[in-house]
């Protein structure tokens, strides 16, 4: 019998990986083995090299447009990229707003 582990998201202290960093660390090396350059990948995506580098450095968000482009290039659709970005953004916002969130009550239906 397998044991199920519940993730307590409020206890996670490490930020989720930025989708651009995920692309650079996990997807790009495979493309490079196929002798693809970053410039060529940017051209295939229809974006500038600088835009792709900003995303891969985690300095620019993966927008819906970029998610559709990455999803097509990688063959996995845009949802993965948008979900990774959303998780990253929510974590960042939760950290930034931590003090404000303490003052906001949770209303429950009676």
N, C-alpha and C. Protein backbone atom coordinates (compact mmCIF):
# COMPACT_ATOMS: atom_id res chain seq x y z
N UNK A 1 0.84 -1.17 0.00
CA UNK A 1 0.00 0.00 0.00
C UNK A 1 0.89 1.24 0.00
N UNK A 2 0.54 2.21 -0.83
CA UNK A 2 1.33 3.43 -0.89
C UNK A 2 0.79 4.45 0.09
N UNK A 3 1.70 5.24 0.60
CA UNK A 3 1.32 6.27 1.56
C UNK A 3 1.19 7.60 0.83
N UNK A 4 0.14 8.34 1.14
CA UNK A 4 -0.09 9.62 0.50
C UNK A 4 0.43 10.73 1.41
N UNK A 5 1.15 11.67 0.81
CA UNK A 5 1.68 12.80 1.56
C UNK A 5 0.93 14.05 1.15
N UNK A 6 0.47 14.79 2.12
CA UNK A 6 -0.25 16.03 1.87
C UNK A 6 0.75 17.19 1.93
N UNK A 7 0.73 18.01 0.90
CA UNK A 7 1.61 19.18 0.86
C UNK A 7 0.92 20.33 1.58
N UNK A 8 1.56 20.83 2.60
CA UNK A 8 1.03 21.99 3.32
C UNK A 8 1.66 23.23 2.70
N UNK A 9 0.95 23.80 1.72
CA UNK A 9 1.49 24.91 0.93
C UNK A 9 1.90 26.11 1.78
N UNK A 10 1.23 26.33 2.90
CA UNK A 10 1.58 27.47 3.75
C UNK A 10 2.92 27.28 4.45
N UNK A 11 3.46 26.08 4.44
CA UNK A 11 4.74 25.80 5.09
C UNK A 11 5.91 25.80 4.11
N UNK A 12 5.63 25.98 2.83
CA UNK A 12 6.68 26.00 1.82
C UNK A 12 7.41 27.33 1.89
N UNK A 13 8.73 27.27 2.06
CA UNK A 13 9.52 28.49 2.18
C UNK A 13 10.33 28.78 0.92
N UNK A 14 10.43 27.84 0.06
CA UNK A 14 11.20 28.02 -1.17
C UNK A 14 10.26 28.38 -2.31
N UNK A 15 10.59 29.40 -3.08
CA UNK A 15 9.67 29.81 -4.14
C UNK A 15 9.61 28.75 -5.25
N UNK A 16 8.46 28.65 -5.90
CA UNK A 16 8.38 27.76 -7.07
C UNK A 16 9.31 28.29 -8.16
N UNK A 17 9.85 27.40 -8.92
CA UNK A 17 10.78 27.81 -9.98
C UNK A 17 10.04 28.62 -11.04
N UNK A 18 10.69 29.66 -11.50
CA UNK A 18 10.13 30.49 -12.57
C UNK A 18 10.09 29.64 -13.84
N UNK A 19 9.01 29.72 -14.64
CA UNK A 19 8.91 28.88 -15.83
C UNK A 19 10.02 29.12 -16.84
N UNK A 20 10.53 30.34 -16.92
CA UNK A 20 11.64 30.61 -17.83
C UNK A 20 12.92 29.92 -17.39
N UNK A 21 13.14 29.91 -16.07
CA UNK A 21 14.30 29.21 -15.51
C UNK A 21 14.14 27.71 -15.73
N UNK A 22 12.92 27.21 -15.56
CA UNK A 22 12.64 25.79 -15.84
C UNK A 22 12.96 25.47 -17.29
N UNK A 23 12.54 26.33 -18.20
CA UNK A 23 12.83 26.13 -19.63
C UNK A 23 14.34 26.09 -19.86
N UNK A 24 15.05 27.06 -19.28
CA UNK A 24 16.49 27.14 -19.51
C UNK A 24 17.24 25.92 -18.94
N UNK A 25 16.84 25.48 -17.76
CA UNK A 25 17.56 24.38 -17.10
C UNK A 25 17.16 23.00 -17.61
N UNK A 26 15.90 22.83 -18.02
CA UNK A 26 15.42 21.49 -18.33
C UNK A 26 15.11 21.23 -19.80
N UNK A 27 14.72 22.25 -20.53
CA UNK A 27 14.33 22.06 -21.92
C UNK A 27 15.46 22.48 -22.87
N UNK A 28 16.04 23.63 -22.61
CA UNK A 28 17.09 24.17 -23.48
C UNK A 28 18.26 23.21 -23.69
N UNK A 29 18.75 22.51 -22.66
CA UNK A 29 19.86 21.58 -22.90
C UNK A 29 19.54 20.52 -23.96
N UNK A 30 18.29 20.06 -24.00
CA UNK A 30 17.91 19.08 -25.02
C UNK A 30 17.95 19.71 -26.41
N UNK A 31 17.46 20.93 -26.51
CA UNK A 31 17.52 21.63 -27.81
C UNK A 31 18.96 21.87 -28.22
N UNK A 32 19.82 22.16 -27.27
CA UNK A 32 21.23 22.38 -27.59
C UNK A 32 21.90 21.10 -28.06
N UNK A 33 21.47 19.96 -27.52
CA UNK A 33 22.00 18.67 -28.01
C UNK A 33 21.62 18.46 -29.47
N UNK A 34 20.52 19.09 -29.87
CA UNK A 34 20.08 19.03 -31.27
C UNK A 34 20.74 20.14 -32.09
N UNK A 35 21.74 20.78 -31.51
CA UNK A 35 22.50 21.85 -32.13
C UNK A 35 21.66 23.10 -32.44
N UNK A 36 20.73 23.38 -31.57
CA UNK A 36 19.90 24.59 -31.70
C UNK A 36 20.50 25.67 -30.80
N UNK A 37 20.62 26.86 -31.31
CA UNK A 37 21.13 27.98 -30.52
C UNK A 37 19.95 28.73 -29.91
N UNK A 38 20.25 29.57 -28.92
CA UNK A 38 19.21 30.39 -28.31
C UNK A 38 18.64 31.33 -29.36
N UNK A 39 19.49 31.87 -30.21
CA UNK A 39 19.01 32.75 -31.27
C UNK A 39 18.05 32.05 -32.20
N UNK A 40 18.36 30.81 -32.56
CA UNK A 40 17.47 30.04 -33.42
C UNK A 40 16.15 29.72 -32.73
N UNK A 41 16.22 29.39 -31.46
CA UNK A 41 14.99 29.09 -30.71
C UNK A 41 14.13 30.35 -30.62
N UNK A 42 14.76 31.49 -30.36
CA UNK A 42 14.01 32.75 -30.32
C UNK A 42 13.35 33.02 -31.68
N UNK A 43 14.08 32.78 -32.74
CA UNK A 43 13.54 32.96 -34.09
C UNK A 43 12.35 32.03 -34.32
N UNK A 44 12.49 30.77 -33.91
CA UNK A 44 11.39 29.81 -34.06
C UNK A 44 10.16 30.24 -33.24
N UNK A 45 10.42 30.83 -32.08
CA UNK A 45 9.32 31.30 -31.22
C UNK A 45 8.70 32.60 -31.74
N UNK A 46 9.45 33.31 -32.58
CA UNK A 46 8.96 34.60 -33.07
C UNK A 46 9.14 35.72 -32.07
N UNK A 47 10.19 35.61 -31.22
CA UNK A 47 10.50 36.65 -30.24
C UNK A 47 11.97 37.01 -30.38
N UNK A 48 12.35 38.14 -29.80
CA UNK A 48 13.76 38.52 -29.85
C UNK A 48 14.58 37.66 -28.89
N UNK A 49 15.88 37.59 -29.16
CA UNK A 49 16.77 36.86 -28.26
C UNK A 49 16.74 37.48 -26.87
N UNK A 50 16.68 38.82 -26.84
CA UNK A 50 16.66 39.51 -25.56
C UNK A 50 15.41 39.14 -24.76
N UNK A 51 14.27 39.07 -25.44
CA UNK A 51 13.02 38.69 -24.74
C UNK A 51 13.13 37.28 -24.18
N UNK A 52 13.67 36.37 -24.97
CA UNK A 52 13.83 34.99 -24.50
C UNK A 52 14.80 34.92 -23.33
N UNK A 53 15.91 35.66 -23.42
CA UNK A 53 16.87 35.67 -22.31
C UNK A 53 16.24 36.23 -21.04
N UNK A 54 15.43 37.29 -21.14
CA UNK A 54 14.78 37.87 -19.96
C UNK A 54 13.85 36.85 -19.30
N UNK A 55 13.14 36.10 -20.11
CA UNK A 55 12.26 35.05 -19.56
C UNK A 55 13.10 33.96 -18.90
N UNK A 56 14.15 33.52 -19.59
CA UNK A 56 14.98 32.44 -19.04
C UNK A 56 15.73 32.85 -17.77
N UNK A 57 15.98 34.14 -17.59
CA UNK A 57 16.62 34.63 -16.37
C UNK A 57 15.62 34.83 -15.24
N UNK A 58 14.33 34.70 -15.55
CA UNK A 58 13.30 34.92 -14.54
C UNK A 58 13.01 36.38 -14.32
N UNK A 59 13.47 37.24 -15.22
CA UNK A 59 13.25 38.68 -15.10
C UNK A 59 11.98 39.14 -15.79
N UNK A 60 11.43 38.32 -16.66
CA UNK A 60 10.18 38.63 -17.35
C UNK A 60 9.24 37.45 -17.17
N UNK A 61 7.97 37.76 -16.99
CA UNK A 61 6.97 36.72 -16.81
C UNK A 61 6.67 36.01 -18.13
N UNK A 62 6.23 34.78 -18.02
CA UNK A 62 5.73 34.05 -19.19
C UNK A 62 4.28 34.50 -19.38
N UNK A 63 4.07 35.31 -20.40
CA UNK A 63 2.73 35.80 -20.70
C UNK A 63 1.94 34.72 -21.42
N UNK A 64 0.66 34.98 -21.63
CA UNK A 64 -0.17 34.02 -22.38
C UNK A 64 0.42 33.80 -23.78
N UNK A 65 0.87 34.88 -24.42
CA UNK A 65 1.47 34.75 -25.75
C UNK A 65 2.71 33.86 -25.73
N UNK A 66 3.57 34.12 -24.74
CA UNK A 66 4.79 33.31 -24.64
C UNK A 66 4.46 31.88 -24.28
N UNK A 67 3.47 31.66 -23.44
CA UNK A 67 3.07 30.31 -23.06
C UNK A 67 2.57 29.53 -24.28
N UNK A 68 1.81 30.19 -25.14
CA UNK A 68 1.32 29.53 -26.35
C UNK A 68 2.50 29.19 -27.26
N UNK A 69 3.45 30.10 -27.37
CA UNK A 69 4.64 29.87 -28.22
C UNK A 69 5.49 28.71 -27.65
N UNK A 70 5.77 28.76 -26.35
CA UNK A 70 6.57 27.69 -25.73
C UNK A 70 5.85 26.34 -25.81
N UNK A 71 4.55 26.38 -25.57
CA UNK A 71 3.76 25.15 -25.63
C UNK A 71 3.78 24.52 -27.01
N UNK A 72 3.74 25.35 -28.03
CA UNK A 72 3.81 24.84 -29.41
C UNK A 72 5.19 24.29 -29.70
N UNK A 73 6.23 25.04 -29.33
CA UNK A 73 7.61 24.62 -29.58
C UNK A 73 7.93 23.30 -28.89
N UNK A 74 7.50 23.19 -27.64
CA UNK A 74 7.82 22.00 -26.84
C UNK A 74 6.81 20.87 -27.03
N UNK A 75 5.66 21.18 -27.62
CA UNK A 75 4.65 20.16 -27.85
C UNK A 75 3.82 19.81 -26.62
N UNK A 76 3.85 20.68 -25.60
CA UNK A 76 3.10 20.37 -24.38
C UNK A 76 1.98 21.36 -24.10
N UNK A 77 1.71 22.28 -25.00
CA UNK A 77 0.62 23.22 -24.83
C UNK A 77 0.95 24.33 -23.84
N UNK A 78 0.10 25.35 -23.77
CA UNK A 78 0.38 26.51 -22.94
C UNK A 78 0.08 26.33 -21.45
N UNK A 79 -0.76 25.37 -21.09
CA UNK A 79 -1.20 25.26 -19.69
C UNK A 79 -0.05 25.06 -18.71
N UNK A 80 0.90 24.21 -19.05
CA UNK A 80 2.04 23.98 -18.16
C UNK A 80 2.74 25.29 -17.85
N UNK A 81 3.01 26.08 -18.88
CA UNK A 81 3.77 27.32 -18.73
C UNK A 81 2.98 28.35 -17.93
N UNK A 82 1.68 28.44 -18.20
CA UNK A 82 0.84 29.39 -17.45
C UNK A 82 0.69 28.97 -16.00
N UNK A 83 0.55 27.68 -15.74
CA UNK A 83 0.44 27.19 -14.37
C UNK A 83 1.72 27.43 -13.58
N UNK A 84 2.86 27.19 -14.21
CA UNK A 84 4.14 27.46 -13.54
C UNK A 84 4.26 28.94 -13.20
N UNK A 85 3.86 29.81 -14.14
CA UNK A 85 3.94 31.25 -13.90
C UNK A 85 2.97 31.66 -12.79
N UNK A 86 1.77 31.12 -12.82
CA UNK A 86 0.77 31.46 -11.79
C UNK A 86 1.26 31.05 -10.41
N UNK A 87 1.81 29.86 -10.28
CA UNK A 87 2.33 29.41 -8.98
C UNK A 87 3.44 30.32 -8.49
N UNK A 88 4.31 30.70 -9.41
CA UNK A 88 5.41 31.60 -9.06
C UNK A 88 4.86 32.95 -8.62
N UNK A 89 3.92 33.50 -9.36
CA UNK A 89 3.34 34.81 -9.04
C UNK A 89 2.59 34.79 -7.71
N UNK A 90 1.83 33.74 -7.46
CA UNK A 90 1.07 33.64 -6.21
C UNK A 90 2.01 33.55 -5.02
N UNK A 91 3.07 32.79 -5.16
CA UNK A 91 4.04 32.68 -4.06
C UNK A 91 4.66 34.05 -3.78
N UNK A 92 5.07 34.74 -4.85
CA UNK A 92 5.67 36.07 -4.69
C UNK A 92 4.69 37.02 -4.01
N UNK A 93 3.44 37.04 -4.46
CA UNK A 93 2.43 37.93 -3.89
C UNK A 93 2.16 37.59 -2.42
N UNK A 94 2.10 36.32 -2.11
CA UNK A 94 1.85 35.89 -0.73
C UNK A 94 2.98 36.35 0.19
N UNK A 95 4.20 36.26 -0.28
CA UNK A 95 5.34 36.73 0.52
C UNK A 95 5.30 38.24 0.68
N UNK A 96 5.04 38.94 -0.40
CA UNK A 96 5.02 40.41 -0.39
C UNK A 96 3.89 40.96 0.48
N UNK A 97 2.75 40.27 0.48
CA UNK A 97 1.57 40.76 1.20
C UNK A 97 1.35 40.09 2.55
N UNK A 98 2.34 39.37 3.05
CA UNK A 98 2.19 38.57 4.27
C UNK A 98 1.59 39.37 5.42
N UNK A 99 2.08 40.57 5.68
CA UNK A 99 1.57 41.37 6.81
C UNK A 99 0.13 41.81 6.56
N UNK A 100 -0.18 42.23 5.34
CA UNK A 100 -1.55 42.63 5.01
C UNK A 100 -2.51 41.46 5.13
N UNK A 101 -2.08 40.29 4.73
CA UNK A 101 -2.94 39.11 4.76
C UNK A 101 -3.32 38.71 6.19
N UNK A 102 -2.43 39.01 7.13
CA UNK A 102 -2.74 38.69 8.53
C UNK A 102 -3.93 39.48 9.03
N UNK A 103 -4.18 40.65 8.45
CA UNK A 103 -5.27 41.51 8.89
C UNK A 103 -6.57 41.24 8.15
N UNK A 104 -6.55 40.39 7.16
CA UNK A 104 -7.75 40.10 6.39
C UNK A 104 -8.40 38.82 6.95
N UNK A 105 -9.65 38.94 7.41
CA UNK A 105 -10.30 37.74 7.97
C UNK A 105 -10.76 36.80 6.85
N UNK A 106 -10.92 35.55 7.22
CA UNK A 106 -11.52 34.58 6.31
C UNK A 106 -12.97 34.44 6.71
N UNK A 107 -13.86 34.81 5.80
CA UNK A 107 -15.30 34.73 6.08
C UNK A 107 -15.81 33.36 5.71
N UNK A 108 -16.60 32.81 6.58
CA UNK A 108 -17.18 31.48 6.34
C UNK A 108 -18.68 31.57 6.38
N UNK A 109 -19.28 30.79 5.53
CA UNK A 109 -20.75 30.74 5.48
C UNK A 109 -21.24 29.97 6.69
N UNK A 110 -22.26 30.51 7.32
CA UNK A 110 -22.79 29.85 8.52
C UNK A 110 -24.00 29.01 8.18
